[in-house]
């Protein structure tokens, strides 16, 4: 599977999961309501996905000057 397609699929998880998984007030995770935990978790994961996409693009030699 192409690396870019895999990263694209991984970025769809928060949108799809938010419709089904986080539509609850309880349970609490690490003392936070699940909705808040979900949002914080995806802010961190999105940053990691963007860093990995940037590194993959640099490895492919397709850097563009801005």
PDB file of N, CA and C in Angstrom:
ATOM      1  N   UNK A   1       0.845  -1.178   0.000  1.00  0.00           N
ATOM      2  CA  UNK A   1       0.000   0.000   0.000  1.00  0.00           C
ATOM      3  C   UNK A   1       0.892   1.244   0.000  1.00  0.00           C
ATOM      4  N   UNK A   2       0.487   2.203  -0.743  1.00  0.00           N
ATOM      5  CA  UNK A   2       1.233   3.451  -0.826  1.00  0.00           C
ATOM      6  C   UNK A   2       1.210   4.162   0.534  1.00  0.00           C
ATOM      7  N   UNK A   3       2.345   4.718   0.936  1.00  0.00           N
ATOM      8  CA  UNK A   3       2.458   5.383   2.238  1.00  0.00           C
ATOM      9  C   UNK A   3       1.522   6.570   2.353  1.00  0.00           C
ATOM     10  N   UNK A   4       1.345   7.286   1.266  1.00  0.00           N
ATOM     11  CA  UNK A   4       0.466   8.461   1.310  1.00  0.00           C
ATOM     12  C   UNK A   4      -0.988   8.068   1.515  1.00  0.00           C
ATOM     13  N   UNK A   5      -1.397   6.980   0.901  1.00  0.00           N
ATOM     14  CA  UNK A   5      -2.772   6.514   1.077  1.00  0.00           C
ATOM     15  C   UNK A   5      -2.996   6.085   2.516  1.00  0.00           C
ATOM     16  N   UNK A   6      -2.010   5.413   3.105  1.00  0.00           N
ATOM     17  CA  UNK A   6      -2.119   4.988   4.498  1.00  0.00           C
ATOM     18  C   UNK A   6      -2.259   6.193   5.425  1.00  0.00           C
ATOM     19  N   UNK A   7      -1.470   7.233   5.207  1.00  0.00           N
ATOM     20  CA  UNK A   7      -1.561   8.434   6.045  1.00  0.00           C
ATOM     21  C   UNK A   7      -2.916   9.111   5.854  1.00  0.00           C
ATOM     22  N   UNK A   8      -3.420   9.126   4.619  1.00  0.00           N
ATOM     23  CA  UNK A   8      -4.731   9.714   4.367  1.00  0.00           C
ATOM     24  C   UNK A   8      -5.824   8.954   5.120  1.00  0.00           C
ATOM     25  N   UNK A   9      -5.744   7.633   5.095  1.00  0.00           N
ATOM     26  CA  UNK A   9      -6.726   6.812   5.806  1.00  0.00           C
ATOM     27  C   UNK A   9      -6.646   7.069   7.304  1.00  0.00           C
ATOM     28  N   UNK A  10      -5.436   7.213   7.842  1.00  0.00           N
ATOM     29  CA  UNK A  10      -5.278   7.471   9.271  1.00  0.00           C
ATOM     30  C   UNK A  10      -5.865   8.817   9.681  1.00  0.00           C
ATOM     31  N   UNK A  11      -5.862   9.779   8.773  1.00  0.00           N
ATOM     32  CA  UNK A  11      -6.437  11.079   9.119  1.00  0.00           C
ATOM     33  C   UNK A  11      -7.969  11.062   9.113  1.00  0.00           C
ATOM     34  N   UNK A  12      -8.562  10.041   8.534  1.00  0.00           N
ATOM     35  CA  UNK A  12     -10.020   9.939   8.537  1.00  0.00           C
ATOM     36  C   UNK A  12     -10.574   9.351   9.834  1.00  0.00           C
ATOM     37  N   UNK A  13      -9.729   8.701  10.625  1.00  0.00           N
ATOM     38  CA  UNK A  13     -10.182   8.033  11.845  1.00  0.00           C
ATOM     39  C   UNK A  13     -10.883   8.990  12.808  1.00  0.00           C
ATOM     40  N   UNK A  14     -10.336  10.195  13.090  1.00  0.00           N
ATOM     41  CA  UNK A  14     -11.041  11.058  14.041  1.00  0.00           C
ATOM     42  C   UNK A  14     -12.429  11.465  13.566  1.00  0.00           C
ATOM     43  N   UNK A  15     -12.576  11.702  12.283  1.00  0.00           N
ATOM     44  CA  UNK A  15     -13.881  12.121  11.766  1.00  0.00           C
ATOM     45  C   UNK A  15     -14.892  10.982  11.871  1.00  0.00           C
ATOM     46  N   UNK A  16     -14.477   9.799  11.497  1.00  0.00           N
ATOM     47  CA  UNK A  16     -15.389   8.657  11.570  1.00  0.00           C
ATOM     48  C   UNK A  16     -15.653   8.241  13.005  1.00  0.00           C
ATOM     49  N   UNK A  17     -14.624   8.272  13.827  1.00  0.00           N
ATOM     50  CA  UNK A  17     -14.778   7.877  15.225  1.00  0.00           C
ATOM     51  C   UNK A  17     -15.643   8.833  16.008  1.00  0.00           C
ATOM     52  N   UNK A  18     -15.593  10.096  15.645  1.00  0.00           N
ATOM     53  CA  UNK A  18     -16.379  11.072  16.394  1.00  0.00           C
ATOM     54  C   UNK A  18     -17.874  10.849  16.218  1.00  0.00           C
ATOM     55  N   UNK A  19     -18.262  10.264  15.106  1.00  0.00           N
ATOM     56  CA  UNK A  19     -19.680  10.018  14.885  1.00  0.00           C
ATOM     57  C   UNK A  19     -20.206   8.874  15.741  1.00  0.00           C
ATOM     58  N   UNK A  20     -19.372   7.913  16.027  1.00  0.00           N
ATOM     59  CA  UNK A  20     -19.824   6.699  16.698  1.00  0.00           C
ATOM     60  C   UNK A  20     -19.299   6.589  18.119  1.00  0.00           C
ATOM     61  N   UNK A  21     -18.018   6.797  18.291  1.00  0.00           N
ATOM     62  CA  UNK A  21     -17.355   6.457  19.544  1.00  0.00           C
ATOM     63  C   UNK A  21     -17.543   7.504  20.619  1.00  0.00           C
ATOM     64  N   UNK A  22     -17.359   8.761  20.307  1.00  0.00           N
ATOM     65  CA  UNK A  22     -17.279   9.768  21.366  1.00  0.00           C
ATOM     66  C   UNK A  22     -18.610  10.432  21.685  1.00  0.00           C
ATOM     67  N   UNK A  23     -19.669   9.922  21.197  1.00  0.00           N
ATOM     68  CA  UNK A  23     -20.970  10.528  21.447  1.00  0.00           C
ATOM     69  C   UNK A  23     -21.475  10.125  22.838  1.00  0.00           C
ATOM     70  N   UNK A  24     -20.621  10.356  23.847  1.00  0.00           N
ATOM     71  CA  UNK A  24     -20.961   9.995  25.227  1.00  0.00           C
ATOM     72  C   UNK A  24     -20.368  11.017  26.181  1.00  0.00           C
ATOM     73  N   UNK A  25     -21.022  11.223  27.303  1.00  0.00           N
ATOM     74  CA  UNK A  25     -20.472  12.096  28.334  1.00  0.00           C
ATOM     75  C   UNK A  25     -19.514  11.299  29.208  1.00  0.00           C
ATOM     76  N   UNK A  26     -19.881  10.087  29.531  1.00  0.00           N
ATOM     77  CA  UNK A  26     -19.029   9.216  30.330  1.00  0.00           C
ATOM     78  C   UNK A  26     -18.536   8.105  29.435  1.00  0.00           C
ATOM     79  N   UNK A  27     -17.483   7.495  29.633  1.00  0.00           N
ATOM     80  CA  UNK A  27     -16.586   7.359  30.786  1.00  0.00           C
ATOM     81  C   UNK A  27     -15.549   8.479  30.826  1.00  0.00           C
ATOM     82  N   UNK A  28     -14.812   8.494  31.914  1.00  0.00           N
ATOM     83  CA  UNK A  28     -13.713   9.434  32.079  1.00  0.00           C
ATOM     84  C   UNK A  28     -12.395   8.722  31.806  1.00  0.00           C
ATOM     85  N   UNK A  29     -11.493   9.394  31.109  1.00  0.00           N
ATOM     86  CA  UNK A  29     -10.168   8.849  30.827  1.00  0.00           C
ATOM     87  C   UNK A  29      -9.147   9.838  31.373  1.00  0.00           C
ATOM     88  N   UNK A  30      -8.287   9.356  32.251  1.00  0.00           N
ATOM     89  CA  UNK A  30      -7.280  10.205  32.899  1.00  0.00           C
ATOM     90  C   UNK A  30      -7.914  11.420  33.571  1.00  0.00           C
ATOM     91  N   UNK A  31      -9.092  11.250  34.110  1.00  0.00           N
ATOM     92  CA  UNK A  31      -9.788  12.328  34.802  1.00  0.00           C
ATOM     93  C   UNK A  31     -10.506  13.309  33.896  1.00  0.00           C
ATOM     94  N   UNK A  32     -10.445  13.084  32.598  1.00  0.00           N
ATOM     95  CA  UNK A  32     -11.098  13.980  31.638  1.00  0.00           C
ATOM     96  C   UNK A  32     -12.331  13.302  31.062  1.00  0.00           C
ATOM     97  N   UNK A  33     -13.362  14.072  30.758  1.00  0.00           N
ATOM     98  CA  UNK A  33     -14.478  13.478  30.012  1.00  0.00           C
ATOM     99  C   UNK A  33     -13.951  12.937  28.681  1.00  0.00           C
ATOM    100  N   UNK A  34     -14.555  11.870  28.200  1.00  0.00           N
ATOM    101  CA  UNK A  34     -14.033  11.187  27.025  1.00  0.00           C
ATOM    102  C   UNK A  34     -13.949  12.097  25.806  1.00  0.00           C
ATOM    103  N   UNK A  35     -14.908  13.002  25.655  1.00  0.00           N
ATOM    104  CA  UNK A  35     -14.910  13.911  24.510  1.00  0.00           C
ATOM    105  C   UNK A  35     -13.665  14.803  24.533  1.00  0.00           C
ATOM    106  N   UNK A  36     -13.316  15.331  25.695  1.00  0.00           N
ATOM    107  CA  UNK A  36     -12.141  16.188  25.815  1.00  0.00           C
ATOM    108  C   UNK A  36     -10.868  15.377  25.601  1.00  0.00           C
ATOM    109  N   UNK A  37     -10.806  14.177  26.160  1.00  0.00           N
ATOM    110  CA  UNK A  37      -9.653  13.309  25.949  1.00  0.00           C
ATOM    111  C   UNK A  37      -9.470  13.000  24.466  1.00  0.00           C
ATOM    112  N   UNK A  38     -10.567  12.708  23.760  1.00  0.00           N
ATOM    113  CA  UNK A  38     -10.529  12.397  22.327  1.00  0.00           C
ATOM    114  C   UNK A  38      -9.959  13.572  21.528  1.00  0.00           C
ATOM    115  N   UNK A  39     -10.409  14.781  21.848  1.00  0.00           N
ATOM    116  CA  UNK A  39      -9.953  15.968  21.125  1.00  0.00           C
ATOM    117  C   UNK A  39      -8.461  16.217  21.360  1.00  0.00           C
ATOM    118  N   UNK A  40      -8.016  16.116  22.599  1.00  0.00           N
ATOM    119  CA  UNK A  40      -6.606  16.331  22.916  1.00  0.00           C
ATOM    120  C   UNK A  40      -5.741  15.265  22.262  1.00  0.00           C
ATOM    121  N   UNK A  41      -6.196  14.037  22.310  1.00  0.00           N
ATOM    122  CA  UNK A  41      -5.464  12.930  21.706  1.00  0.00           C
ATOM    123  C   UNK A  41      -5.262  13.157  20.206  1.00  0.00           C
ATOM    124  N   UNK A  42      -6.295  13.614  19.512  1.00  0.00           N
ATOM    125  CA  UNK A  42      -6.175  13.802  18.068  1.00  0.00           C
ATOM    126  C   UNK A  42      -5.397  15.044  17.684  1.00  0.00           C
ATOM    127  N   UNK A  43      -5.333  16.034  18.554  1.00  0.00           N
ATOM    128  CA  UNK A  43      -4.459  17.173  18.286  1.00  0.00           C
ATOM    129  C   UNK A  43      -3.008  16.697  18.273  1.00  0.00           C
ATOM    130  N   UNK A  44      -2.644  15.870  19.250  1.00  0.00           N
ATOM    131  CA  UNK A  44      -1.284  15.337  19.323  1.00  0.00           C
ATOM    132  C   UNK A  44      -1.016  14.396  18.156  1.00  0.00           C
ATOM    133  N   UNK A  45      -1.940  13.475  17.869  1.00  0.00           N
ATOM    134  CA  UNK A  45      -1.732  12.510  16.790  1.00  0.00           C
ATOM    135  C   UNK A  45      -1.675  13.180  15.418  1.00  0.00           C
ATOM    136  N   UNK A  46      -2.477  14.208  15.205  1.00  0.00           N
ATOM    137  CA  UNK A  46      -2.436  14.916  13.931  1.00  0.00           C
ATOM    138  C   UNK A  46      -1.077  15.566  13.720  1.00  0.00           C
ATOM    139  N   UNK A  47      -0.516  16.112  14.780  1.00  0.00           N
ATOM    140  CA  UNK A  47       0.828  16.686  14.678  1.00  0.00           C
ATOM    141  C   UNK A  47       1.847  15.614  14.304  1.00  0.00           C
ATOM    142  N   UNK A  48       1.743  14.445  14.912  1.00  0.00           N
ATOM    143  CA  UNK A  48       2.665  13.349  14.583  1.00  0.00           C
ATOM    144  C   UNK A  48       2.482  12.887  13.142  1.00  0.00           C
ATOM    145  N   UNK A  49       1.243  12.818  12.678  1.00  0.00           N
ATOM    146  CA  UNK A  49       0.983  12.419  11.289  1.00  0.00           C
ATOM    147  C   UNK A  49       1.581  13.434  10.308  1.00  0.00           C
ATOM    148  N   UNK A  50       1.466  14.725  10.623  1.00  0.00           N
ATOM    149  CA  UNK A  50       2.015  15.743   9.740  1.00  0.00           C
ATOM    150  C   UNK A  50       3.542  15.693   9.698  1.00  0.00           C
ATOM    151  N   UNK A  51       4.163  15.437  10.837  1.00  0.00           N
ATOM    152  CA  UNK A  51       5.623  15.301  10.864  1.00  0.00           C
ATOM    153  C   UNK A  51       6.051  14.094  10.042  1.00  0.00           C
ATOM    154  N   UNK A  52       5.343  12.973  10.195  1.00  0.00           N
ATOM    155  CA  UNK A  52       5.704  11.776   9.420  1.00  0.00           C
ATOM    156  C   UNK A  52       5.474  11.991   7.928  1.00  0.00           C
ATOM    157  N   UNK A  53       4.415  12.694   7.555  1.00  0.00           N
ATOM    158  CA  UNK A  53       4.175  12.980   6.139  1.00  0.00           C
ATOM    159  C   UNK A  53       5.268  13.873   5.574  1.00  0.00           C
ATOM    160  N   UNK A  54       5.720  14.833   6.357  1.00  0.00           N
ATOM    161  CA  UNK A  54       6.799  15.717   5.928  1.00  0.00           C
ATOM    162  C   UNK A  54       8.094  14.933   5.725  1.00  0.00           C
ATOM    163  N   UNK A  55       8.404  14.022   6.637  1.00  0.00           N
ATOM    164  CA  UNK A  55       9.616  13.210   6.508  1.00  0.00           C
ATOM    165  C   UNK A  55       9.521  12.263   5.318  1.00  0.00           C
ATOM    166  N   UNK A  56       8.343  11.687   5.081  1.00  0.00           N
ATOM    167  CA  UNK A  56       8.176  10.803   3.929  1.00  0.00           C
ATOM    168  C   UNK A  56       8.335  11.568   2.621  1.00  0.00           C
ATOM    169  N   UNK A  57       7.821  12.773   2.581  1.00  0.00           N
ATOM    170  CA  UNK A  57       7.950  13.594   1.382  1.00  0.00           C
ATOM    171  C   UNK A  57       9.409  13.951   1.143  1.00  0.00           C
ATOM    172  N   UNK A  58      10.148  14.248   2.193  1.00  0.00           N
ATOM    173  CA  UNK A  58      11.570  14.570   2.050  1.00  0.00           C
ATOM    174  C   UNK A  58      12.350  13.352   1.579  1.00  0.00           C
ATOM    175  N   UNK A  59      11.968  12.157   2.046  1.00  0.00           N
ATOM    176  CA  UNK A  59      12.637  10.942   1.611  1.00  0.00           C
ATOM    177  C   UNK A  59      12.375  10.646   0.138  1.00  0.00           C
ATOM    178  N   UNK A  60      11.198  10.996  -0.336  1.00  0.00           N
ATOM    179  CA  UNK A  60      10.854  10.778  -1.735  1.00  0.00           C
ATOM    180  C   UNK A  60      11.541  11.778  -2.649  1.00  0.00           C
ATOM    181  N   UNK A  61      12.121  12.818  -2.091  1.00  0.00           N
ATOM    182  CA  UNK A  61      12.809  13.819  -2.892  1.00  0.00           C
ATOM    183  C   UNK A  61      11.879  14.748  -3.628  1.00  0.00           C
ATOM    184  N   UNK A  62      10.678  14.956  -3.097  1.00  0.00           N
ATOM    185  CA  UNK A  62       9.683  15.779  -3.768  1.00  0.00           C
ATOM    186  C   UNK A  62       9.465  17.088  -3.023  1.00  0.00           C
ATOM    187  N   UNK A  63      10.507  17.618  -2.430  1.00  0.00           N
ATOM    188  CA  UNK A  63      10.354  18.878  -1.726  1.00  0.00           C
ATOM    189  C   UNK A  63      10.109  20.003  -2.708  1.00  0.00           C
ATOM    190  N   UNK A  64       9.248  20.903  -2.325  1.00  0.00           N
ATOM    191  CA  UNK A  64       8.949  22.060  -3.169  1.00  0.00           C
ATOM    192  C   UNK A  64       9.379  23.317  -2.426  1.00  0.00           C
ATOM    193  N   UNK A  65       9.977  24.237  -3.142  1.00  0.00           N
ATOM    194  CA  UNK A  65      10.327  25.510  -2.520  1.00  0.00           C
ATOM    195  C   UNK A  65       9.094  26.392  -2.475  1.00  0.00           C
ATOM    196  N   UNK A  66       8.885  26.985  -1.318  1.00  0.00           N
ATOM    197  CA  UNK A  66       7.723  27.868  -1.166  1.00  0.00           C
ATOM    198  C   UNK A  66       8.123  29.298  -1.365  1.00  0.00           C
TER     199      UNK A  66
END
